[in-house]
Amino acid sequence: MRVRRVLVPTAQVAPGTVMQYVLDGRFALAIYNLNGDFRVTSDTCTHGEASLADGEIEGDEIVCPFHRGAFDIRTGQATRAPCLHPLATYAVEIVDGMVTVEW
């Protein structure tokens, strides 16, 4: 059964940025603010053990800081080699100014 989990206030994620959030001390998530459109994916690159929160946002893509591979932030799909496998994505809802995900 999925539940809605509260992550952070929207004000903590500035427009055009990404931040890491560790859920339950085990699951690293990346929270993105694409100019008011909040998205959440898994934080670890599927090609290596890099935190995508340390990467750069280019348009709708997050670029991995290790090998410059990239993913579509909206869909999780790998868009640039050497990344081949998609990221997990989570349904986001803003509730009372808080970023929440269906978990």
PDB file of N, CA and C in Angstrom:
ATOM      1  N   MET A   1       0.840  -1.177   0.000  1.00  0.00           N
ATOM      2  CA  MET A   1       0.000   0.000   0.000  1.00  0.00           C
ATOM      3  C   MET A   1       0.889   1.245   0.000  1.00  0.00           C
ATOM      4  N   ARG A   2       0.626   2.159  -0.907  1.00  0.00           N
ATOM      5  CA  ARG A   2       1.400   3.399  -0.997  1.00  0.00           C
ATOM      6  C   ARG A   2       0.825   4.440  -0.044  1.00  0.00           C
ATOM      7  N   VAL A   3       1.735   5.256   0.504  1.00  0.00           N
ATOM      8  CA  VAL A   3       1.334   6.351   1.386  1.00  0.00           C
ATOM      9  C   VAL A   3       1.997   7.628   0.909  1.00  0.00           C
ATOM     10  N   ARG A   4       1.451   8.760   1.293  1.00  0.00           N
ATOM     11  CA  ARG A   4       2.037  10.047   0.948  1.00  0.00           C
ATOM     12  C   ARG A   4       3.020  10.420   2.041  1.00  0.00           C
ATOM     13  N   ARG A   5       4.249  10.738   1.650  1.00  0.00           N
ATOM     14  CA  ARG A   5       5.305  11.099   2.594  1.00  0.00           C
ATOM     15  C   ARG A   5       5.686  12.564   2.407  1.00  0.00           C
ATOM     16  N   VAL A   6       5.775  13.301   3.497  1.00  0.00           N
ATOM     17  CA  VAL A   6       6.200  14.696   3.471  1.00  0.00           C
ATOM     18  C   VAL A   6       7.725  14.734   3.439  1.00  0.00           C
ATOM     19  N   LEU A   7       8.289  15.523   2.509  1.00  0.00           N
ATOM     20  CA  LEU A   7       9.737  15.613   2.405  1.00  0.00           C
ATOM     21  C   LEU A   7      10.255  16.939   2.963  1.00  0.00           C
ATOM     22  N   VAL A   8      10.109  18.023   2.216  1.00  0.00           N
ATOM     23  CA  VAL A   8      10.670  19.315   2.621  1.00  0.00           C
ATOM     24  C   VAL A   8       9.727  20.448   2.221  1.00  0.00           C
ATOM     25  N   PRO A   9       9.894  21.623   2.848  1.00  0.00           N
ATOM     26  CA  PRO A   9       9.152  22.791   2.376  1.00  0.00           C
ATOM     27  C   PRO A   9       9.630  23.181   0.976  1.00  0.00           C
ATOM     28  N   THR A  10       8.721  23.643   0.148  1.00  0.00           N
ATOM     29  CA  THR A  10       9.093  24.054  -1.202  1.00  0.00           C
ATOM     30  C   THR A  10      10.165  25.145  -1.174  1.00  0.00           C
ATOM     31  N   ALA A  11      10.156  25.985  -0.162  1.00  0.00           N
ATOM     32  CA  ALA A  11      11.119  27.090  -0.061  1.00  0.00           C
ATOM     33  C   ALA A  11      12.562  26.600   0.087  1.00  0.00           C
ATOM     34  N   GLN A  12      12.750  25.354   0.480  1.00  0.00           N
ATOM     35  CA  GLN A  12      14.111  24.819   0.641  1.00  0.00           C
ATOM     36  C   GLN A  12      14.750  24.412  -0.686  1.00  0.00           C
ATOM     37  N   VAL A  13      13.959  24.362  -1.755  1.00  0.00           N
ATOM     38  CA  VAL A  13      14.492  23.964  -3.065  1.00  0.00           C
ATOM     39  C   VAL A  13      14.283  25.133  -4.020  1.00  0.00           C
ATOM     40  N   ALA A  14      15.334  25.899  -4.214  1.00  0.00           N
ATOM     41  CA  ALA A  14      15.251  27.096  -5.060  1.00  0.00           C
ATOM     42  C   ALA A  14      14.987  26.707  -6.511  1.00  0.00           C
ATOM     43  N   PRO A  15      14.330  27.580  -7.274  1.00  0.00           N
ATOM     44  CA  PRO A  15      14.093  27.300  -8.691  1.00  0.00           C
ATOM     45  C   PRO A  15      15.402  27.001  -9.428  1.00  0.00           C
ATOM     46  N   GLY A  16      15.358  25.962 -10.267  1.00  0.00           N
ATOM     47  CA  GLY A  16      16.523  25.579 -11.058  1.00  0.00           C
ATOM     48  C   GLY A  16      17.563  24.770 -10.306  1.00  0.00           C
ATOM     49  N   THR A  17      17.188  24.257  -9.125  1.00  0.00           N
ATOM     50  CA  THR A  17      18.152  23.490  -8.330  1.00  0.00           C
ATOM     51  C   THR A  17      17.636  22.092  -8.011  1.00  0.00           C
ATOM     52  N   VAL A  18      18.543  21.285  -7.486  1.00  0.00           N
ATOM     53  CA  VAL A  18      18.243  19.931  -7.038  1.00  0.00           C
ATOM     54  C   VAL A  18      18.870  19.758  -5.661  1.00  0.00           C
ATOM     55  N   MET A  19      18.191  19.020  -4.794  1.00  0.00           N
ATOM     56  CA  MET A  19      18.756  18.714  -3.481  1.00  0.00           C
ATOM     57  C   MET A  19      18.521  17.246  -3.151  1.00  0.00           C
ATOM     58  N   GLN A  20      19.409  16.707  -2.345  1.00  0.00           N
ATOM     59  CA  GLN A  20      19.263  15.319  -1.887  1.00  0.00           C
ATOM     60  C   GLN A  20      18.423  15.294  -0.615  1.00  0.00           C
ATOM     61  N   TYR A  21      17.589  14.276  -0.511  1.00  0.00           N
ATOM     62  CA  TYR A  21      16.809  14.035   0.701  1.00  0.00           C
ATOM     63  C   TYR A  21      16.882  12.542   0.986  1.00  0.00           C
ATOM     64  N   VAL A  22      17.241  12.179   2.209  1.00  0.00           N
ATOM     65  CA  VAL A  22      17.329  10.756   2.568  1.00  0.00           C
ATOM     66  C   VAL A  22      16.082  10.393   3.361  1.00  0.00           C
ATOM     67  N   LEU A  23      15.289   9.518   2.779  1.00  0.00           N
ATOM     68  CA  LEU A  23      14.021   9.089   3.372  1.00  0.00           C
ATOM     69  C   LEU A  23      14.255   7.880   4.259  1.00  0.00           C
ATOM     70  N   ASP A  24      13.787   7.962   5.478  1.00  0.00           N
ATOM     71  CA  ASP A  24      13.906   6.868   6.450  1.00  0.00           C
ATOM     72  C   ASP A  24      15.351   6.439   6.671  1.00  0.00           C
ATOM     73  N   GLY A  25      16.301   7.356   6.436  1.00  0.00           N
ATOM     74  CA  GLY A  25      17.707   7.041   6.668  1.00  0.00           C
ATOM     75  C   GLY A  25      18.293   6.035   5.698  1.00  0.00           C
ATOM     76  N   ARG A  26      17.536   5.680   4.618  1.00  0.00           N
ATOM     77  CA  ARG A  26      18.023   4.634   3.706  1.00  0.00           C
ATOM     78  C   ARG A  26      17.886   4.983   2.237  1.00  0.00           C
ATOM     79  N   PHE A  27      16.860   5.698   1.861  1.00  0.00           N
ATOM     80  CA  PHE A  27      16.557   5.910   0.454  1.00  0.00           C
ATOM     81  C   PHE A  27      16.907   7.341   0.044  1.00  0.00           C
ATOM     82  N   ALA A  28      17.947   7.477  -0.780  1.00  0.00           N
ATOM     83  CA  ALA A  28      18.351   8.806  -1.240  1.00  0.00           C
ATOM     84  C   ALA A  28      17.489   9.208  -2.423  1.00  0.00           C
ATOM     85  N   LEU A  29      16.831  10.351  -2.271  1.00  0.00           N
ATOM     86  CA  LEU A  29      15.986  10.908  -3.323  1.00  0.00           C
ATOM     87  C   LEU A  29      16.582  12.231  -3.786  1.00  0.00           C
ATOM     88  N   ALA A  30      16.317  12.591  -5.024  1.00  0.00           N
ATOM     89  CA  ALA A  30      16.691  13.897  -5.554  1.00  0.00           C
ATOM     90  C   ALA A  30      15.401  14.682  -5.763  1.00  0.00           C
ATOM     91  N   ILE A  31      15.340  15.885  -5.178  1.00  0.00           N
ATOM     92  CA  ILE A  31      14.174  16.752  -5.311  1.00  0.00           C
ATOM     93  C   ILE A  31      14.579  17.910  -6.210  1.00  0.00           C
ATOM     94  N   TYR A  32      13.830  18.111  -7.286  1.00  0.00           N
ATOM     95  CA  TYR A  32      14.126  19.138  -8.278  1.00  0.00           C
ATOM     96  C   TYR A  32      13.042  20.203  -8.266  1.00  0.00           C
ATOM     97  N   ASN A  33      13.450  21.447  -8.482  1.00  0.00           N
ATOM     98  CA  ASN A  33      12.508  22.542  -8.686  1.00  0.00           C
ATOM     99  C   ASN A  33      12.781  23.090 -10.081  1.00  0.00           C
ATOM    100  N   LEU A  34      11.951  22.686 -11.033  1.00  0.00           N
ATOM    101  CA  LEU A  34      12.082  23.163 -12.408  1.00  0.00           C
ATOM    102  C   LEU A  34      11.172  24.372 -12.566  1.00  0.00           C
ATOM    103  N   ASN A  35      11.603  25.475 -11.971  1.00  0.00           N
ATOM    104  CA  ASN A  35      10.844  26.735 -12.017  1.00  0.00           C
ATOM    105  C   ASN A  35       9.402  26.558 -11.542  1.00  0.00           C
ATOM    106  N   GLY A  36       9.261  25.954 -10.378  1.00  0.00           N
ATOM    107  CA  GLY A  36       7.956  25.765  -9.761  1.00  0.00           C
ATOM    108  C   GLY A  36       7.322  24.411 -10.017  1.00  0.00           C
ATOM    109  N   ASP A  37       7.906  23.628 -10.900  1.00  0.00           N
ATOM    110  CA  ASP A  37       7.438  22.265 -11.174  1.00  0.00           C
ATOM    111  C   ASP A  37       8.352  21.317 -10.404  1.00  0.00           C
ATOM    112  N   PHE A  38       7.870  20.813  -9.275  1.00  0.00           N
ATOM    113  CA  PHE A  38       8.682  19.961  -8.420  1.00  0.00           C
ATOM    114  C   PHE A  38       8.618  18.516  -8.902  1.00  0.00           C
ATOM    115  N   ARG A  39       9.783  17.871  -8.930  1.00  0.00           N
ATOM    116  CA  ARG A  39       9.907  16.472  -9.343  1.00  0.00           C
ATOM    117  C   ARG A  39      10.806  15.759  -8.352  1.00  0.00           C
ATOM    118  N   VAL A  40      10.609  14.439  -8.233  1.00  0.00           N
ATOM    119  CA  VAL A  40      11.454  13.619  -7.361  1.00  0.00           C
ATOM    120  C   VAL A  40      11.829  12.350  -8.097  1.00  0.00           C
ATOM    121  N   THR A  41      13.133  12.023  -8.058  1.00  0.00           N
ATOM    122  CA  THR A  41      13.645  10.772  -8.618  1.00  0.00           C
ATOM    123  C   THR A  41      14.540  10.116  -7.569  1.00  0.00           C
ATOM    124  N   SER A  42      14.965   8.885  -7.857  1.00  0.00           N
ATOM    125  CA  SER A  42      16.023   8.310  -7.047  1.00  0.00           C
ATOM    126  C   SER A  42      17.249   9.197  -7.245  1.00  0.00           C
ATOM    127  N   ASP A  43      18.122   9.250  -6.253  1.00  0.00           N
ATOM    128  CA  ASP A  43      19.259  10.169  -6.303  1.00  0.00           C
ATOM    129  C   ASP A  43      20.524   9.543  -6.881  1.00  0.00           C
ATOM    130  N   THR A  44      20.626   8.241  -6.888  1.00  0.00           N
ATOM    131  CA  THR A  44      21.859   7.588  -7.327  1.00  0.00           C
ATOM    132  C   THR A  44      21.811   7.283  -8.808  1.00  0.00           C
ATOM    133  N   CYS A  45      22.840   7.721  -9.528  1.00  0.00           N
ATOM    134  CA  CYS A  45      22.948   7.441 -10.958  1.00  0.00           C
ATOM    135  C   CYS A  45      22.909   5.931 -11.186  1.00  0.00           C
ATOM    136  N   THR A  46      22.219   5.504 -12.217  1.00  0.00           N
ATOM    137  CA  THR A  46      22.116   4.067 -12.505  1.00  0.00           C
ATOM    138  C   THR A  46      23.377   3.529 -13.178  1.00  0.00           C
ATOM    139  N   HIS A  47      24.295   4.399 -13.560  1.00  0.00           N
ATOM    140  CA  HIS A  47      25.554   3.978 -14.178  1.00  0.00           C
ATOM    141  C   HIS A  47      26.659   3.827 -13.146  1.00  0.00           C
ATOM    142  N   GLY A  48      26.618   4.614 -12.089  1.00  0.00           N
ATOM    143  CA  GLY A  48      27.649   4.572 -11.054  1.00  0.00           C
ATOM    144  C   GLY A  48      27.080   5.056  -9.746  1.00  0.00           C
ATOM    145  N   GLU A  49      27.902   5.134  -8.746  1.00  0.00           N
ATOM    146  CA  GLU A  49      27.437   5.499  -7.408  1.00  0.00           C
ATOM    147  C   GLU A  49      27.497   7.006  -7.158  1.00  0.00           C
ATOM    148  N   ALA A  50      27.099   7.803  -8.124  1.00  0.00           N
ATOM    149  CA  ALA A  50      27.126   9.255  -7.981  1.00  0.00           C
ATOM    150  C   ALA A  50      25.781   9.777  -7.498  1.00  0.00           C
ATOM    151  N   SER A  51      25.824  10.795  -6.652  1.00  0.00           N
ATOM    152  CA  SER A  51      24.607  11.485  -6.227  1.00  0.00           C
ATOM    153  C   SER A  51      24.225  12.484  -7.306  1.00  0.00           C
ATOM    154  N   LEU A  52      23.036  12.344  -7.844  1.00  0.00           N
ATOM    155  CA  LEU A  52      22.580  13.282  -8.868  1.00  0.00           C
ATOM    156  C   LEU A  52      22.347  14.673  -8.295  1.00  0.00           C
ATOM    157  N   ALA A  53      22.167  14.769  -6.981  1.00  0.00           N
ATOM    158  CA  ALA A  53      22.030  16.086  -6.354  1.00  0.00           C
ATOM    159  C   ALA A  53      23.320  16.896  -6.489  1.00  0.00           C
ATOM    160  N   ASP A  54      24.426  16.233  -6.800  1.00  0.00           N
ATOM    161  CA  ASP A  54      25.695  16.918  -7.054  1.00  0.00           C
ATOM    162  C   ASP A  54      25.865  17.244  -8.535  1.00  0.00           C
ATOM    163  N   GLY A  55      24.890  16.854  -9.350  1.00  0.00           N
ATOM    164  CA  GLY A  55      24.953  17.099 -10.783  1.00  0.00           C
ATOM    165  C   GLY A  55      24.411  18.462 -11.161  1.00  0.00           C
ATOM    166  N   GLU A  56      24.308  18.685 -12.462  1.00  0.00           N
ATOM    167  CA  GLU A  56      23.815  19.956 -12.985  1.00  0.00           C
ATOM    168  C   GLU A  56      22.512  19.743 -13.738  1.00  0.00           C
ATOM    169  N   ILE A  57      21.579  20.673 -13.552  1.00  0.00           N
ATOM    170  CA  ILE A  57      20.342  20.650 -14.330  1.00  0.00           C
ATOM    171  C   ILE A  57      20.602  21.399 -15.633  1.00  0.00           C
ATOM    172  N   GLU A  58      20.279  20.749 -16.751  1.00  0.00           N
ATOM    173  CA  GLU A  58      20.353  21.370 -18.066  1.00  0.00           C
ATOM    174  C   GLU A  58      18.989  21.187 -18.721  1.00  0.00           C
ATOM    175  N   GLY A  59      18.190  22.242 -18.730  1.00  0.00           N
ATOM    176  CA  GLY A  59      16.833  22.135 -19.253  1.00  0.00           C
ATOM    177  C   GLY A  59      16.012  21.211 -18.369  1.00  0.00           C
ATOM    178  N   ASP A  60      15.514  20.109 -18.954  1.00  0.00           N
ATOM    179  CA  ASP A  60      14.735  19.120 -18.202  1.00  0.00           C
ATOM    180  C   ASP A  60      15.564  17.887 -17.860  1.00  0.00           C
ATOM    181  N   GLU A  61      16.885  18.010 -17.940  1.00  0.00           N
ATOM    182  CA  GLU A  61      17.761  16.868 -17.668  1.00  0.00           C
ATOM    183  C   GLU A  61      18.650  17.131 -16.465  1.00  0.00           C
ATOM    184  N   ILE A  62      19.001  16.043 -15.777  1.00  0.00           N
ATOM    185  CA  ILE A  62      20.015  16.096 -14.728  1.00  0.00           C
ATOM    186  C   ILE A  62      21.243  15.386 -15.282  1.00  0.00           C
ATOM    187  N   VAL A  63      22.387  16.052 -15.183  1.00  0.00           N
ATOM    188  CA  VAL A  63      23.637  15.520 -15.703  1.00  0.00           C
ATOM    189  C   VAL A  63      24.447  14.970 -14.536  1.00  0.00           C
ATOM    190  N   CYS A  64      24.830  13.712 -14.640  1.00  0.00           N
ATOM    191  CA  CYS A  64      25.596  13.041 -13.593  1.00  0.00           C
ATOM    192  C   CYS A  64      26.974  13.688 -13.449  1.00  0.00           C
ATOM    193  N   PRO A  65      27.417  13.925 -12.211  1.00  0.00           N
ATOM    194  CA  PRO A  65      28.714  14.568 -12.012  1.00  0.00           C
ATOM    195  C   PRO A  65      29.910  13.650 -12.308  1.00  0.00           C
ATOM    196  N   PHE A  66      29.712  12.343 -12.399  1.00  0.00           N
ATOM    197  CA  PHE A  66      30.832  11.423 -12.631  1.00  0.00           C
ATOM    198  C   PHE A  66      31.211  11.316 -14.106  1.00  0.00           C
ATOM    199  N   HIS A  67      30.270  10.902 -14.938  1.00  0.00           N
ATOM    200  CA  HIS A  67      30.606  10.597 -16.332  1.00  0.00           C
ATOM    201  C   HIS A  67      29.826  11.428 -17.341  1.00  0.00           C
ATOM    202  N   ARG A  68      29.084  12.442 -16.867  1.00  0.00           N
ATOM    203  CA  ARG A  68      28.328  13.356 -17.726  1.00  0.00           C
ATOM    204  C   ARG A  68      27.167  12.696 -18.463  1.00  0.00           C
ATOM    205  N   GLY A  69      26.765  11.498 -18.043  1.00  0.00           N
ATOM    206  CA  GLY A  69      25.537  10.915 -18.566  1.00  0.00           C
ATOM    207  C   GLY A  69      24.368  11.740 -18.050  1.00  0.00           C
ATOM    208  N   ALA A  70      23.185  11.547 -18.635  1.00  0.00           N
ATOM    209  CA  ALA A  70      22.053  12.382 -18.237  1.00  0.00           C
ATOM    210  C   ALA A  70      20.749  11.600 -18.226  1.00  0.00           C
ATOM    211  N   PHE A  71      19.776  12.174 -17.501  1.00  0.00           N
ATOM    212  CA  PHE A  71      18.434  11.592 -17.374  1.00  0.00           C
ATOM    213  C   PHE A  71      17.405  12.693 -17.549  1.00  0.00           C
ATOM    214  N   ASP A  72      16.263  12.344 -18.121  1.00  0.00           N
ATOM    215  CA  ASP A  72      15.121  13.241 -18.184  1.00  0.00           C
ATOM    216  C   ASP A  72      14.509  13.287 -16.779  1.00  0.00           C
ATOM    217  N   ILE A  73      14.478  14.448 -16.176  1.00  0.00           N
ATOM    218  CA  ILE A  73      13.983  14.591 -14.806  1.00  0.00           C
ATOM    219  C   ILE A  73      12.504  14.228 -14.716  1.00  0.00           C
ATOM    220  N   ARG A  74      11.732  14.511 -15.739  1.00  0.00           N
ATOM    221  CA  ARG A  74      10.281  14.268 -15.705  1.00  0.00           C
ATOM    222  C   ARG A  74       9.919  12.790 -15.826  1.00  0.00           C
ATOM    223  N   THR A  75      10.699  12.045 -16.615  1.00  0.00           N
ATOM    224  CA  THR A  75      10.359  10.639 -16.868  1.00  0.00           C
ATOM    225  C   THR A  75      11.317   9.643 -16.233  1.00  0.00           C
ATOM    226  N   GLY A  76      12.521  10.097 -15.894  1.00  0.00           N
ATOM    227  CA  GLY A  76      13.549   9.203 -15.364  1.00  0.00           C
ATOM    228  C   GLY A  76      14.353   8.496 -16.448  1.00  0.00           C
ATOM    229  N   GLN A  77      13.959   8.639 -17.707  1.00  0.00           N
ATOM    230  CA  GLN A  77      14.646   7.927 -18.801  1.00  0.00           C
ATOM    231  C   GLN A  77      16.071   8.431 -18.987  1.00  0.00           C
ATOM    232  N   ALA A  78      16.995   7.496 -19.238  1.00  0.00           N
ATOM    233  CA  ALA A  78      18.371   7.857 -19.567  1.00  0.00           C
ATOM    234  C   ALA A  78      18.369   8.531 -20.930  1.00  0.00           C
ATOM    235  N   THR A  79      19.078   9.659 -21.036  1.00  0.00           N
ATOM    236  CA  THR A  79      19.077  10.419 -22.288  1.00  0.00           C
ATOM    237  C   THR A  79      20.463  10.593 -22.887  1.00  0.00           C
ATOM    238  N   ARG A  80      21.491  10.260 -22.129  1.00  0.00           N
ATOM    239  CA  ARG A  80      22.851  10.437 -22.625  1.00  0.00           C
ATOM    240  C   ARG A  80      23.748   9.353 -22.045  1.00  0.00           C
ATOM    241  N   ALA A  81      24.553   8.729 -22.917  1.00  0.00           N
ATOM    242  CA  ALA A  81      25.502   7.697 -22.493  1.00  0.00           C
ATOM    243  C   ALA A  81      26.531   8.324 -21.549  1.00  0.00           C
ATOM    244  N   PRO A  82      27.027   7.544 -20.627  1.00  0.00           N
ATOM    245  CA  PRO A  82      26.944   6.091 -20.562  1.00  0.00           C
ATOM    246  C   PRO A  82      25.726   5.563 -19.805  1.00  0.00           C
ATOM    247  N   CYS A  83      24.802   6.423 -19.409  1.00  0.00           N
ATOM    248  CA  CYS A  83      23.612   5.978 -18.679  1.00  0.00           C
ATOM    249  C   CYS A  83      22.667   5.245 -19.628  1.00  0.00           C
ATOM    250  N   LEU A  84      22.212   4.073 -19.211  1.00  0.00           N
ATOM    251  CA  LEU A  84      21.310   3.263 -20.029  1.00  0.00           C
ATOM    252  C   LEU A  84      19.991   2.955 -19.328  1.00  0.00           C
ATOM    253  N   HIS A  85      20.034   2.815 -18.015  1.00  0.00           N
ATOM    254  CA  HIS A  85      18.853   2.406 -17.253  1.00  0.00           C
ATOM    255  C   HIS A  85      18.175   3.620 -16.621  1.00  0.00           C
ATOM    256  N   PRO A  86      16.838   3.629 -16.581  1.00  0.00           N
ATOM    257  CA  PRO A  86      16.108   4.793 -16.055  1.00  0.00           C
ATOM    258  C   PRO A  86      16.204   4.916 -14.538  1.00  0.00           C
ATOM    259  N   LEU A  87      15.937   6.113 -14.061  1.00  0.00           N
ATOM    260  CA  LEU A  87      15.802   6.387 -12.635  1.00  0.00           C
ATOM    261  C   LEU A  87      14.380   6.078 -12.200  1.00  0.00           C
ATOM    262  N   ALA A  88      14.199   5.752 -10.933  1.00  0.00           N
ATOM    263  CA  ALA A  88      12.852   5.663 -10.372  1.00  0.00           C
ATOM    264  C   ALA A  88      12.324   7.088 -10.227  1.00  0.00           C
ATOM    265  N   THR A  89      11.054   7.284 -10.531  1.00  0.00           N
ATOM    266  CA  THR A  89      10.406   8.585 -10.352  1.00  0.00           C
ATOM    267  C   THR A  89       9.239   8.410  -9.391  1.00  0.00           C
ATOM    268  N   TYR A  90       8.867   9.491  -8.732  1.00  0.00           N
ATOM    269  CA  TYR A  90       7.814   9.433  -7.721  1.00  0.00           C
ATOM    270  C   TYR A  90       6.789  10.527  -7.974  1.00  0.00           C
ATOM    271  N   ALA A  91       5.526  10.206  -7.741  1.00  0.00           N
ATOM    272  CA  ALA A  91       4.435  11.166  -7.922  1.00  0.00           C
ATOM    273  C   ALA A  91       4.524  12.237  -6.842  1.00  0.00           C
ATOM    274  N   VAL A  92       4.654  13.496  -7.276  1.00  0.00           N
ATOM    275  CA  VAL A  92       4.819  14.621  -6.361  1.00  0.00           C
ATOM    276  C   VAL A  92       3.511  15.389  -6.240  1.00  0.00           C
ATOM    277  N   GLU A  93       3.233  15.834  -5.036  1.00  0.00           N
ATOM    278  CA  GLU A  93       2.116  16.730  -4.786  1.00  0.00           C
ATOM    279  C   GLU A  93       2.590  17.764  -3.770  1.00  0.00           C
ATOM    280  N   ILE A  94       2.233  19.002  -3.974  1.00  0.00           N
ATOM    281  CA  ILE A  94       2.545  20.055  -3.016  1.00  0.00           C
ATOM    282  C   ILE A  94       1.339  20.198  -2.098  1.00  0.00           C
ATOM    283  N   VAL A  95       1.558  20.001  -0.803  1.00  0.00           N
ATOM    284  CA  VAL A  95       0.487  20.068   0.192  1.00  0.00           C
ATOM    285  C   VAL A  95       0.909  21.059   1.271  1.00  0.00           C
ATOM    286  N   ASP A  96       0.167  22.135   1.398  1.00  0.00           N
ATOM    287  CA  ASP A  96       0.460  23.169   2.403  1.00  0.00           C
ATOM    288  C   ASP A  96       1.910  23.631   2.337  1.00  0.00           C
ATOM    289  N   GLY A  97       2.420  23.842   1.121  1.00  0.00           N
ATOM    290  CA  GLY A  97       3.779  24.340   0.950  1.00  0.00           C
ATOM    291  C   GLY A  97       4.868  23.312   1.163  1.00  0.00           C
ATOM    292  N   MET A  98       4.501  22.042   1.246  1.00  0.00           N
ATOM    293  CA  MET A  98       5.462  20.963   1.462  1.00  0.00           C
ATOM    294  C   MET A  98       5.502  20.061   0.230  1.00  0.00           C
ATOM    295  N   VAL A  99       6.721  19.638  -0.141  1.00  0.00           N
ATOM    296  CA  VAL A  99       6.874  18.649  -1.213  1.00  0.00           C
ATOM    297  C   VAL A  99       6.566  17.293  -0.606  1.00  0.00           C
ATOM    298  N   THR A 100       5.603  16.579  -1.207  1.00  0.00           N
ATOM    299  CA  THR A 100       5.262  15.245  -0.739  1.00  0.00           C
ATOM    300  C   THR A 100       5.362  14.278  -1.924  1.00  0.00           C
ATOM    301  N   VAL A 101       5.615  13.007  -1.617  1.00  0.00           N
ATOM    302  CA  VAL A 101       5.661  11.981  -2.655  1.00  0.00           C
ATOM    303  C   VAL A 101       4.800  10.800  -2.248  1.00  0.00           C
ATOM    304  N   GLU A 102       4.329  10.102  -3.262  1.00  0.00           N
ATOM    305  CA  GLU A 102       3.633   8.844  -3.011  1.00  0.00           C
ATOM    306  C   GLU A 102       4.699   7.779  -2.894  1.00  0.00           C
ATOM    307  N   TRP A 103       4.728   7.098  -1.769  1.00  0.00           N
ATOM    308  CA  TRP A 103       5.791   6.132  -1.492  1.00  0.00           C
ATOM    309  C   TRP A 103       5.210   4.763  -1.258  1.00  0.00           C
TER     310      TRP A 103
END
